[in-house]
C-alpha atoms as a PDB file:
ATOM      1  CA  MET A   1       7.144  18.560   8.249  1.00  0.00           C
ATOM      2  CA  CYS A   2       8.734  16.435   5.541  1.00  0.00           C
ATOM      3  CA  CYS A   3       9.276  13.583   8.011  1.00  0.00           C
ATOM      4  CA  PHE A   4       5.608  13.742   8.965  1.00  0.00           C
ATOM      5  CA  PHE A   5       4.502  13.331   5.349  1.00  0.00           C
ATOM      6  CA  SER A   6       7.013  10.538   4.773  1.00  0.00           C
ATOM      7  CA  SER A   7       5.804   8.616   7.797  1.00  0.00           C
ATOM      8  CA  LEU A   8       2.188   9.210   6.772  1.00  0.00           C
ATOM      9  CA  TRP A   9       2.947   7.897   3.282  1.00  0.00           C
ATOM     10  CA  LEU A  10       4.595   4.786   4.720  1.00  0.00           C
ATOM     11  CA  LEU A  11       2.294   4.076   7.654  1.00  0.00           C
ATOM     12  CA  GLY A  12      -0.954   5.464   6.245  1.00  0.00           C
ATOM     13  CA  PRO A  13      -2.134   2.421   4.258  1.00  0.00           C
ATOM     14  CA  ARG A  14      -1.079   0.036   7.002  1.00  0.00           C
ATOM     15  CA  PHE A  15      -2.983   2.023   9.617  1.00  0.00           C
ATOM     16  CA  ALA A  16      -6.015   2.300   7.302  1.00  0.00           C
ATOM     17  CA  PHE A  17      -5.933  -1.468   6.748  1.00  0.00           C
ATOM     18  CA  LEU A  18      -5.790  -2.050  10.511  1.00  0.00           C
ATOM     19  CA  ILE A  19      -8.798   0.199  11.074  1.00  0.00           C
ATOM     20  CA  TYR A  20     -10.672  -1.491   8.210  1.00  0.00           C
ATOM     21  CA  TRP A  21      -9.808  -4.936   9.569  1.00  0.00           C
ATOM     22  CA  LEU A  22     -11.136  -4.039  13.030  1.00  0.00           C
ATOM     23  CA  ILE A  23     -14.591  -3.357  11.571  1.00  0.00           C
ATOM     24  CA  PRO A  24     -16.526  -6.669  11.461  1.00  0.00           C
ATOM     25  CA  TYR A  25     -17.552  -6.215   7.810  1.00  0.00           C
ATOM     26  CA  GLY A  26     -13.968  -5.405   6.869  1.00  0.00           C
ATOM     27  CA  ARG A  27     -12.669  -8.545   8.548  1.00  0.00           C
ATOM     28  CA  LEU A  28     -15.126 -10.629   6.525  1.00  0.00           C
ATOM     29  CA  LYS A  29     -14.105  -8.886   3.323  1.00  0.00           C
ATOM     30  CA  VAL A  30     -10.398  -9.491   4.007  1.00  0.00           C
ATOM     31  CA  ALA A  31     -11.126 -13.157   4.694  1.00  0.00           C
ATOM     32  CA  ALA A  32     -13.088 -13.378   1.436  1.00  0.00           C
ATOM     33  CA  ALA A  33     -10.364 -11.651  -0.571  1.00  0.00           C
ATOM     34  CA  PHE A  34      -7.510 -13.869   0.635  1.00  0.00           C
ATOM     35  CA  ASP A  35      -7.441 -17.577   1.476  1.00  0.00           C
ATOM     36  CA  GLY A  36      -4.717 -17.564   4.105  1.00  0.00           C
ATOM     37  CA  TRP A  37      -2.723 -15.144   6.183  1.00  0.00           C
ATOM     38  CA  ILE A  38       0.629 -15.218   4.349  1.00  0.00           C
ATOM     39  CA  LEU A  39      -0.405 -13.242   1.258  1.00  0.00           C
ATOM     40  CA  PRO A  40      -2.090 -10.420   3.227  1.00  0.00           C
ATOM     41  CA  LEU A  41       0.952 -10.175   5.503  1.00  0.00           C
ATOM     42  CA  LEU A  42       3.340  -9.951   2.552  1.00  0.00           C
ATOM     43  CA  GLY A  43       1.058  -7.438   0.873  1.00  0.00           C
ATOM     44  CA  LEU A  44       0.918  -5.347   4.016  1.00  0.00           C
ATOM     45  CA  ILE A  45       4.711  -5.318   4.252  1.00  0.00           C
ATOM     46  CA  PHE A  46       5.693  -4.805   0.596  1.00  0.00           C
ATOM     47  CA  LEU A  47       2.642  -3.447  -1.309  1.00  0.00           C
ATOM     48  CA  PRO A  48       0.362  -1.771   1.233  1.00  0.00           C
ATOM     49  CA  TRP A  49      -1.520   0.570  -1.129  1.00  0.00           C
ATOM     50  CA  THR A  50      -2.224  -2.233  -3.600  1.00  0.00           C
ATOM     51  CA  MET A  51      -3.434  -4.607  -0.914  1.00  0.00           C
ATOM     52  CA  LEU A  52      -5.663  -2.000   0.680  1.00  0.00           C
ATOM     53  CA  MET A  53      -7.243  -1.100  -2.653  1.00  0.00           C
ATOM     54  CA  TYR A  54      -7.652  -4.766  -3.595  1.00  0.00           C
ATOM     55  CA  VAL A  55      -9.520  -5.457  -0.367  1.00  0.00           C
ATOM     56  CA  LEU A  56     -11.716  -2.400  -0.819  1.00  0.00           C
ATOM     57  CA  ILE A  57     -12.732  -3.341  -4.364  1.00  0.00           C
ATOM     58  CA  PHE A  58     -12.462  -7.124  -3.903  1.00  0.00           C
ATOM     59  CA  PRO A  59     -15.119  -8.508  -6.229  1.00  0.00           C
ATOM     60  CA  VAL A  60     -13.634  -6.671  -9.210  1.00  0.00           C
ATOM     61  CA  TYR A  61     -16.345  -6.345 -11.826  1.00  0.00           C
ATOM     62  CA  GLY A  62     -15.777  -3.187 -13.813  1.00  0.00           C
ATOM     63  CA  VAL A  63     -13.078  -1.372 -15.688  1.00  0.00           C
ATOM     64  CA  PHE A  64     -12.859   1.453 -13.170  1.00  0.00           C
ATOM     65  CA  ASP A  65     -12.100  -0.997 -10.380  1.00  0.00           C
ATOM     66  CA  TRP A  66      -9.025  -2.135 -12.269  1.00  0.00           C
ATOM     67  CA  LEU A  67      -8.100   1.498 -12.814  1.00  0.00           C
ATOM     68  CA  PHE A  68      -8.154   2.150  -9.055  1.00  0.00           C
ATOM     69  CA  LEU A  69      -6.018  -0.939  -8.539  1.00  0.00           C
ATOM     70  CA  ALA A  70      -3.547   0.325 -11.159  1.00  0.00           C
ATOM     71  CA  PHE A  71      -3.293   3.664  -9.325  1.00  0.00           C
ATOM     72  CA  ALA A  72      -2.540   1.782  -6.107  1.00  0.00           C
ATOM     73  CA  VAL A  73       0.236  -0.180  -7.833  1.00  0.00           C
ATOM     74  CA  LEU A  74       1.657   3.104  -9.132  1.00  0.00           C
ATOM     75  CA  ALA A  75       1.540   4.536  -5.602  1.00  0.00           C
ATOM     76  CA  ASP A  76       3.566   1.577  -4.294  1.00  0.00           C
ATOM     77  CA  ILE A  77       6.069   1.841  -7.139  1.00  0.00           C
ATOM     78  CA  SER A  78       6.432   5.578  -6.595  1.00  0.00           C
ATOM     79  CA  ALA A  79       7.108   5.048  -2.903  1.00  0.00           C
ATOM     80  CA  TYR A  80       9.937   2.631  -3.682  1.00  0.00           C
ATOM     81  CA  ALA A  81      11.281   4.832  -6.488  1.00  0.00           C
ATOM     82  CA  ALA A  82      11.267   7.921  -4.272  1.00  0.00           C
ATOM     83  CA  GLY A  83      13.291   6.087  -1.646  1.00  0.00           C
ATOM     84  CA  ALA A  84      15.824   4.961  -4.230  1.00  0.00           C
ATOM     85  CA  ALA A  85      16.084   8.465  -5.699  1.00  0.00           C
ATOM     86  CA  ARG A  86      16.550   9.961  -2.243  1.00  0.00           C
ATOM     87  CA  ARG A  87      19.397   7.547  -1.492  1.00  0.00           C
ATOM     88  CA  ARG A  88      21.014   8.258  -4.869  1.00  0.00           C
ATOM     89  CA  ASP A  89      20.788  12.020  -4.352  1.00  0.00           C
ATOM     90  CA  ALA A  90      22.222  11.732  -0.862  1.00  0.00           C
ATOM     91  CA  ALA A  91      25.170   9.755  -2.203  1.00  0.00           C
ATOM     92  CA  PHE A  92      25.674  12.313  -4.994  1.00  0.00           C
ATOM     93  CA  TYR A  93      25.703  15.309  -2.662  1.00  0.00           C
ATOM     94  CA  ARG A  94      27.938  13.578  -0.149  1.00  0.00           C
ATOM     95  CA  GLY A  95      30.686  13.357  -2.711  1.00  0.00           C
ATOM     96  CA  PRO A  96      33.611  10.949  -2.997  1.00  0.00           C
END
């Protein structure tokens, strides 16, 4: 069950972005949010939650939009930090 949640956490935003991109309105919004294809590809690889939230709230007008974007950044940071903590704990329990 833990592996299922881990894979959902890692693949969830990428799959959601794919579904959103397949919708014609979503494809237009992604094209409006980014000029080329390099930045969305890098965002999809390294910061998927942040990129997905940025595309969803693209014309950022209010304070709450920035708050949602900050939560997405925290979600990406927590995913990387959890992986680092898991590797550190595994090395600690393995012993010398």
